[in-house]
Amino acid sequence: MGNGKTMSVNDLVHSLKQRFPNMPAPVFCPSRNGDILHSQALVDTLFSNFEAVPFDFENCLNQTIEYYNQLLLV
């Protein structure tokens, strides 16, 4: 599910790099036929009809990292 905000691959890399400073740099390759270069979810209907609420990407990323950290500790 989207949150109605745009996010580029560079935005994602920046968010991950803040949490994992030793992460290797991404390798960008030329686009291929059929690649979707830009996409943004239209979530207005979802939010109004299903009581869904927009989520904060950074918060969800933190929760996801914490979840997987807990799995690794088991």
PDB file of N, CA and C in Angstrom:
ATOM      1  N   MET A   1       0.848  -1.166   0.000  1.00  0.00           N
ATOM      2  CA  MET A   1       0.000   0.000   0.000  1.00  0.00           C
ATOM      3  C   MET A   1       0.895   1.231   0.000  1.00  0.00           C
ATOM      4  N   GLY A   2       0.535   2.195  -0.774  1.00  0.00           N
ATOM      5  CA  GLY A   2       1.279   3.444  -0.810  1.00  0.00           C
ATOM      6  C   GLY A   2       0.795   4.406   0.258  1.00  0.00           C
ATOM      7  N   ASN A   3       1.480   5.516   0.375  1.00  0.00           N
ATOM      8  CA  ASN A   3       1.059   6.543   1.327  1.00  0.00           C
ATOM      9  C   ASN A   3       0.747   7.858   0.636  1.00  0.00           C
ATOM     10  N   GLY A   4       0.735   7.848  -0.709  1.00  0.00           N
ATOM     11  CA  GLY A   4       0.399   9.050  -1.449  1.00  0.00           C
ATOM     12  C   GLY A   4       1.559   9.996  -1.659  1.00  0.00           C
ATOM     13  N   LYS A   5       2.742   9.608  -1.221  1.00  0.00           N
ATOM     14  CA  LYS A   5       3.930  10.451  -1.383  1.00  0.00           C
ATOM     15  C   LYS A   5       4.896   9.763  -2.339  1.00  0.00           C
ATOM     16  N   THR A   6       5.637  10.560  -3.082  1.00  0.00           N
ATOM     17  CA  THR A   6       6.628   9.979  -3.975  1.00  0.00           C
ATOM     18  C   THR A   6       7.902   9.654  -3.204  1.00  0.00           C
ATOM     19  N   MET A   7       8.595   8.628  -3.668  1.00  0.00           N
ATOM     20  CA  MET A   7       9.889   8.265  -3.095  1.00  0.00           C
ATOM     21  C   MET A   7      10.731   7.671  -4.215  1.00  0.00           C
ATOM     22  N   SER A   8      11.900   8.213  -4.394  1.00  0.00           N
ATOM     23  CA  SER A   8      12.798   7.702  -5.424  1.00  0.00           C
ATOM     24  C   SER A   8      13.694   6.611  -4.831  1.00  0.00           C
ATOM     25  N   VAL A   9      14.365   5.897  -5.693  1.00  0.00           N
ATOM     26  CA  VAL A   9      15.344   4.919  -5.232  1.00  0.00           C
ATOM     27  C   VAL A   9      16.433   5.637  -4.439  1.00  0.00           C
ATOM     28  N   ASN A  10      16.810   6.832  -4.878  1.00  0.00           N
ATOM     29  CA  ASN A  10      17.818   7.597  -4.137  1.00  0.00           C
ATOM     30  C   ASN A  10      17.325   7.963  -2.738  1.00  0.00           C
ATOM     31  N   ASP A  11      16.035   8.282  -2.598  1.00  0.00           N
ATOM     32  CA  ASP A  11      15.464   8.563  -1.274  1.00  0.00           C
ATOM     33  C   ASP A  11      15.573   7.329  -0.375  1.00  0.00           C
ATOM     34  N   LEU A  12      15.245   6.181  -0.932  1.00  0.00           N
ATOM     35  CA  LEU A  12      15.323   4.931  -0.175  1.00  0.00           C
ATOM     36  C   LEU A  12      16.765   4.643   0.241  1.00  0.00           C
ATOM     37  N   VAL A  13      17.692   4.801  -0.692  1.00  0.00           N
ATOM     38  CA  VAL A  13      19.106   4.573  -0.387  1.00  0.00           C
ATOM     39  C   VAL A  13      19.553   5.514   0.731  1.00  0.00           C
ATOM     40  N   HIS A  14      19.156   6.776   0.670  1.00  0.00           N
ATOM     41  CA  HIS A  14      19.527   7.737   1.708  1.00  0.00           C
ATOM     42  C   HIS A  14      18.991   7.298   3.078  1.00  0.00           C
ATOM     43  N   SER A  15      17.735   6.860   3.122  1.00  0.00           N
ATOM     44  CA  SER A  15      17.148   6.407   4.388  1.00  0.00           C
ATOM     45  C   SER A  15      17.882   5.190   4.937  1.00  0.00           C
ATOM     46  N   LEU A  16      18.234   4.268   4.061  1.00  0.00           N
ATOM     47  CA  LEU A  16      18.955   3.075   4.507  1.00  0.00           C
ATOM     48  C   LEU A  16      20.377   3.418   4.936  1.00  0.00           C
ATOM     49  N   LYS A  17      21.011   4.324   4.193  1.00  0.00           N
ATOM     50  CA  LYS A  17      22.390   4.713   4.505  1.00  0.00           C
ATOM     51  C   LYS A  17      22.483   5.383   5.880  1.00  0.00           C
ATOM     52  N   GLN A  18      21.432   6.116   6.277  1.00  0.00           N
ATOM     53  CA  GLN A  18      21.410   6.733   7.609  1.00  0.00           C
ATOM     54  C   GLN A  18      21.422   5.664   8.698  1.00  0.00           C
ATOM     55  N   ARG A  19      20.791   4.536   8.429  1.00  0.00           N
ATOM     56  CA  ARG A  19      20.694   3.478   9.422  1.00  0.00           C
ATOM     57  C   ARG A  19      21.834   2.468   9.310  1.00  0.00           C
ATOM     58  N   PHE A  20      22.390   2.322   8.128  1.00  0.00           N
ATOM     59  CA  PHE A  20      23.471   1.370   7.880  1.00  0.00           C
ATOM     60  C   PHE A  20      24.614   2.086   7.155  1.00  0.00           C
ATOM     61  N   PRO A  21      25.428   2.832   7.895  1.00  0.00           N
ATOM     62  CA  PRO A  21      26.465   3.650   7.265  1.00  0.00           C
ATOM     63  C   PRO A  21      27.467   2.854   6.422  1.00  0.00           C
ATOM     64  N   ASN A  22      27.677   1.594   6.744  1.00  0.00           N
ATOM     65  CA  ASN A  22      28.641   0.775   6.006  1.00  0.00           C
ATOM     66  C   ASN A  22      28.026   0.085   4.797  1.00  0.00           C
ATOM     67  N   MET A  23      26.786   0.400   4.516  1.00  0.00           N
ATOM     68  CA  MET A  23      26.112  -0.199   3.373  1.00  0.00           C
ATOM     69  C   MET A  23      26.848   0.172   2.083  1.00  0.00           C
ATOM     70  N   PRO A  24      27.037  -0.791   1.193  1.00  0.00           N
ATOM     71  CA  PRO A  24      27.709  -0.443  -0.065  1.00  0.00           C
ATOM     72  C   PRO A  24      26.853   0.494  -0.915  1.00  0.00           C
ATOM     73  N   ALA A  25      27.501   1.252  -1.742  1.00  0.00           N
ATOM     74  CA  ALA A  25      26.792   2.173  -2.638  1.00  0.00           C
ATOM     75  C   ALA A  25      26.022   1.366  -3.681  1.00  0.00           C
ATOM     76  N   PRO A  26      24.855   1.853  -4.073  1.00  0.00           N
ATOM     77  CA  PRO A  26      24.092   1.140  -5.096  1.00  0.00           C
ATOM     78  C   PRO A  26      24.782   1.236  -6.459  1.00  0.00           C
ATOM     79  N   VAL A  27      24.502   0.260  -7.280  1.00  0.00           N
ATOM     80  CA  VAL A  27      25.007   0.268  -8.650  1.00  0.00           C
ATOM     81  C   VAL A  27      23.807   0.500  -9.554  1.00  0.00           C
ATOM     82  N   PHE A  28      23.785   1.610 -10.249  1.00  0.00           N
ATOM     83  CA  PHE A  28      22.674   1.944 -11.131  1.00  0.00           C
ATOM     84  C   PHE A  28      23.012   1.516 -12.553  1.00  0.00           C
ATOM     85  N   CYS A  29      22.097   0.821 -13.157  1.00  0.00           N
ATOM     86  CA  CYS A  29      22.260   0.342 -14.533  1.00  0.00           C
ATOM     87  C   CYS A  29      21.278   1.095 -15.427  1.00  0.00           C
ATOM     88  N   PRO A  30      21.524   1.092 -16.722  1.00  0.00           N
ATOM     89  CA  PRO A  30      20.573   1.733 -17.637  1.00  0.00           C
ATOM     90  C   PRO A  30      19.200   1.075 -17.524  1.00  0.00           C
ATOM     91  N   SER A  31      18.153   1.857 -17.759  1.00  0.00           N
ATOM     92  CA  SER A  31      16.806   1.290 -17.709  1.00  0.00           C
ATOM     93  C   SER A  31      16.624   0.288 -18.839  1.00  0.00           C
ATOM     94  N   ARG A  32      15.688  -0.638 -18.620  1.00  0.00           N
ATOM     95  CA  ARG A  32      15.396  -1.669 -19.605  1.00  0.00           C
ATOM     96  C   ARG A  32      14.010  -1.440 -20.171  1.00  0.00           C
ATOM     97  N   ASN A  33      13.730  -2.019 -21.306  1.00  0.00           N
ATOM     98  CA  ASN A  33      12.384  -1.940 -21.878  1.00  0.00           C
ATOM     99  C   ASN A  33      11.388  -2.499 -20.871  1.00  0.00           C
ATOM    100  N   GLY A  34      10.337  -1.759 -20.630  1.00  0.00           N
ATOM    101  CA  GLY A  34       9.303  -2.207 -19.702  1.00  0.00           C
ATOM    102  C   GLY A  34       9.486  -1.719 -18.280  1.00  0.00           C
ATOM    103  N   ASP A  35      10.644  -1.145 -17.935  1.00  0.00           N
ATOM    104  CA  ASP A  35      10.843  -0.613 -16.588  1.00  0.00           C
ATOM    105  C   ASP A  35       9.873   0.549 -16.349  1.00  0.00           C
ATOM    106  N   ILE A  36       9.314   0.602 -15.162  1.00  0.00           N
ATOM    107  CA  ILE A  36       8.466   1.725 -14.771  1.00  0.00           C
ATOM    108  C   ILE A  36       9.375   2.771 -14.145  1.00  0.00           C
ATOM    109  N   LEU A  37       9.483   3.918 -14.794  1.00  0.00           N
ATOM    110  CA  LEU A  37      10.429   4.934 -14.333  1.00  0.00           C
ATOM    111  C   LEU A  37       9.867   5.811 -13.225  1.00  0.00           C
ATOM    112  N   HIS A  38       8.567   6.067 -13.232  1.00  0.00           N
ATOM    113  CA  HIS A  38       7.930   6.905 -12.211  1.00  0.00           C
ATOM    114  C   HIS A  38       6.556   6.317 -11.900  1.00  0.00           C
ATOM    115  N   SER A  39       6.252   6.227 -10.618  1.00  0.00           N
ATOM    116  CA  SER A  39       4.966   5.677 -10.199  1.00  0.00           C
ATOM    117  C   SER A  39       4.573   6.316  -8.870  1.00  0.00           C
ATOM    118  N   GLN A  40       3.300   6.585  -8.705  1.00  0.00           N
ATOM    119  CA  GLN A  40       2.798   7.103  -7.432  1.00  0.00           C
ATOM    120  C   GLN A  40       1.396   6.562  -7.228  1.00  0.00           C
ATOM    121  N   ALA A  41       1.168   5.966  -6.073  1.00  0.00           N
ATOM    122  CA  ALA A  41      -0.135   5.394  -5.763  1.00  0.00           C
ATOM    123  C   ALA A  41      -1.159   6.496  -5.506  1.00  0.00           C
ATOM    124  N   LEU A  42      -2.356   6.318  -6.030  1.00  0.00           N
ATOM    125  CA  LEU A  42      -3.476   7.199  -5.708  1.00  0.00           C
ATOM    126  C   LEU A  42      -4.268   6.511  -4.606  1.00  0.00           C
ATOM    127  N   VAL A  43      -4.133   6.996  -3.406  1.00  0.00           N
ATOM    128  CA  VAL A  43      -4.666   6.293  -2.245  1.00  0.00           C
ATOM    129  C   VAL A  43      -5.859   6.995  -1.605  1.00  0.00           C
ATOM    130  N   ASP A  44      -6.374   8.048  -2.215  1.00  0.00           N
ATOM    131  CA  ASP A  44      -7.489   8.788  -1.619  1.00  0.00           C
ATOM    132  C   ASP A  44      -8.693   7.891  -1.358  1.00  0.00           C
ATOM    133  N   THR A  45      -9.061   7.061  -2.324  1.00  0.00           N
ATOM    134  CA  THR A  45     -10.213   6.174  -2.162  1.00  0.00           C
ATOM    135  C   THR A  45      -9.958   5.169  -1.047  1.00  0.00           C
ATOM    136  N   LEU A  46      -8.769   4.652  -0.988  1.00  0.00           N
ATOM    137  CA  LEU A  46      -8.412   3.701   0.067  1.00  0.00           C
ATOM    138  C   LEU A  46      -8.591   4.335   1.436  1.00  0.00           C
ATOM    139  N   PHE A  47      -8.069   5.548   1.592  1.00  0.00           N
ATOM    140  CA  PHE A  47      -8.158   6.208   2.881  1.00  0.00           C
ATOM    141  C   PHE A  47      -9.598   6.565   3.253  1.00  0.00           C
ATOM    142  N   SER A  48     -10.400   6.962   2.274  1.00  0.00           N
ATOM    143  CA  SER A  48     -11.754   7.394   2.598  1.00  0.00           C
ATOM    144  C   SER A  48     -12.735   6.234   2.745  1.00  0.00           C
ATOM    145  N   ASN A  49     -12.527   5.132   2.050  1.00  0.00           N
ATOM    146  CA  ASN A  49     -13.494   4.028   2.076  1.00  0.00           C
ATOM    147  C   ASN A  49     -13.153   2.904   3.043  1.00  0.00           C
ATOM    148  N   PHE A  50     -11.920   2.787   3.449  1.00  0.00           N
ATOM    149  CA  PHE A  50     -11.527   1.625   4.248  1.00  0.00           C
ATOM    150  C   PHE A  50     -10.876   1.984   5.575  1.00  0.00           C
ATOM    151  N   GLU A  51     -11.035   3.211   6.006  1.00  0.00           N
ATOM    152  CA  GLU A  51     -10.484   3.658   7.284  1.00  0.00           C
ATOM    153  C   GLU A  51      -8.977   3.438   7.375  1.00  0.00           C
ATOM    154  N   ALA A  52      -8.319   3.371   6.254  1.00  0.00           N
ATOM    155  CA  ALA A  52      -6.860   3.285   6.246  1.00  0.00           C
ATOM    156  C   ALA A  52      -6.302   4.677   6.524  1.00  0.00           C
ATOM    157  N   VAL A  53      -5.134   4.726   7.064  1.00  0.00           N
ATOM    158  CA  VAL A  53      -4.493   6.007   7.340  1.00  0.00           C
ATOM    159  C   VAL A  53      -3.121   6.029   6.678  1.00  0.00           C
ATOM    160  N   PRO A  54      -2.687   7.197   6.236  1.00  0.00           N
ATOM    161  CA  PRO A  54      -1.345   7.279   5.649  1.00  0.00           C
ATOM    162  C   PRO A  54      -0.293   6.872   6.679  1.00  0.00           C
ATOM    163  N   PHE A  55       0.742   6.227   6.226  1.00  0.00           N
ATOM    164  CA  PHE A  55       1.804   5.829   7.137  1.00  0.00           C
ATOM    165  C   PHE A  55       3.048   6.662   6.883  1.00  0.00           C
ATOM    166  N   ASP A  56       3.881   6.730   7.892  1.00  0.00           N
ATOM    167  CA  ASP A  56       5.146   7.439   7.782  1.00  0.00           C
ATOM    168  C   ASP A  56       6.221   6.425   7.393  1.00  0.00           C
ATOM    169  N   PHE A  57       6.812   6.615   6.224  1.00  0.00           N
ATOM    170  CA  PHE A  57       7.783   5.652   5.717  1.00  0.00           C
ATOM    171  C   PHE A  57       8.934   5.432   6.690  1.00  0.00           C
ATOM    172  N   GLU A  58       9.505   6.514   7.204  1.00  0.00           N
ATOM    173  CA  GLU A  58      10.663   6.391   8.093  1.00  0.00           C
ATOM    174  C   GLU A  58      10.319   5.577   9.337  1.00  0.00           C
ATOM    175  N   ASN A  59       9.153   5.812   9.912  1.00  0.00           N
ATOM    176  CA  ASN A  59       8.717   5.061  11.087  1.00  0.00           C
ATOM    177  C   ASN A  59       8.537   3.584  10.739  1.00  0.00           C
ATOM    178  N   CYS A  60       7.911   3.308   9.604  1.00  0.00           N
ATOM    179  CA  CYS A  60       7.704   1.913   9.194  1.00  0.00           C
ATOM    180  C   CYS A  60       9.031   1.226   8.899  1.00  0.00           C
ATOM    181  N   LEU A  61       9.973   1.942   8.309  1.00  0.00           N
ATOM    182  CA  LEU A  61      11.291   1.364   8.061  1.00  0.00           C
ATOM    183  C   LEU A  61      11.968   1.017   9.382  1.00  0.00           C
ATOM    184  N   ASN A  62      11.881   1.907  10.357  1.00  0.00           N
ATOM    185  CA  ASN A  62      12.456   1.621  11.678  1.00  0.00           C
ATOM    186  C   ASN A  62      11.821   0.385  12.297  1.00  0.00           C
ATOM    187  N   GLN A  63      10.508   0.261  12.207  1.00  0.00           N
ATOM    188  CA  GLN A  63       9.817  -0.903  12.757  1.00  0.00           C
ATOM    189  C   GLN A  63      10.234  -2.186  12.042  1.00  0.00           C
ATOM    190  N   THR A  64      10.397  -2.115  10.743  1.00  0.00           N
ATOM    191  CA  THR A  64      10.810  -3.284   9.974  1.00  0.00           C
ATOM    192  C   THR A  64      12.219  -3.722  10.362  1.00  0.00           C
ATOM    193  N   ILE A  65      13.123  -2.767  10.498  1.00  0.00           N
ATOM    194  CA  ILE A  65      14.496  -3.091  10.894  1.00  0.00           C
ATOM    195  C   ILE A  65      14.504  -3.702  12.285  1.00  0.00           C
ATOM    196  N   GLU A  66      13.741  -3.118  13.197  1.00  0.00           N
ATOM    197  CA  GLU A  66      13.670  -3.647  14.559  1.00  0.00           C
ATOM    198  C   GLU A  66      13.113  -5.072  14.559  1.00  0.00           C
ATOM    199  N   TYR A  67      12.089  -5.333  13.750  1.00  0.00           N
ATOM    200  CA  TYR A  67      11.507  -6.681  13.661  1.00  0.00           C
ATOM    201  C   TYR A  67      12.569  -7.696  13.226  1.00  0.00           C
ATOM    202  N   TYR A  68      13.307  -7.375  12.175  1.00  0.00           N
ATOM    203  CA  TYR A  68      14.312  -8.310  11.685  1.00  0.00           C
ATOM    204  C   TYR A  68      15.495  -8.423  12.637  1.00  0.00           C
ATOM    205  N   ASN A  69      15.821  -7.349  13.337  1.00  0.00           N
ATOM    206  CA  ASN A  69      16.861  -7.446  14.367  1.00  0.00           C
ATOM    207  C   ASN A  69      16.448  -8.426  15.468  1.00  0.00           C
ATOM    208  N   GLN A  70      15.182  -8.378  15.857  1.00  0.00           N
ATOM    209  CA  GLN A  70      14.680  -9.302  16.881  1.00  0.00           C
ATOM    210  C   GLN A  70      14.728 -10.742  16.383  1.00  0.00           C
ATOM    211  N   LEU A  71      14.414 -10.963  15.108  1.00  0.00           N
ATOM    212  CA  LEU A  71      14.486 -12.326  14.559  1.00  0.00           C
ATOM    213  C   LEU A  71      15.915 -12.854  14.602  1.00  0.00           C
ATOM    214  N   LEU A  72      16.876 -11.986  14.348  1.00  0.00           N
ATOM    215  CA  LEU A  72      18.276 -12.419  14.346  1.00  0.00           C
ATOM    216  C   LEU A  72      18.785 -12.726  15.739  1.00  0.00           C
ATOM    217  N   LEU A  73      18.152 -12.148  16.756  1.00  0.00           N
ATOM    218  CA  LEU A  73      18.581 -12.390  18.138  1.00  0.00           C
ATOM    219  C   LEU A  73      18.059 -13.706  18.690  1.00  0.00           C
ATOM    220  N   VAL A  74      17.070 -14.275  18.039  1.00  0.00           N
ATOM    221  CA  VAL A  74      16.459 -15.521  18.549  1.00  0.00           C
ATOM    222  C   VAL A  74      17.354 -16.699  18.281  1.00  0.00           C
TER     223      VAL A  74
END
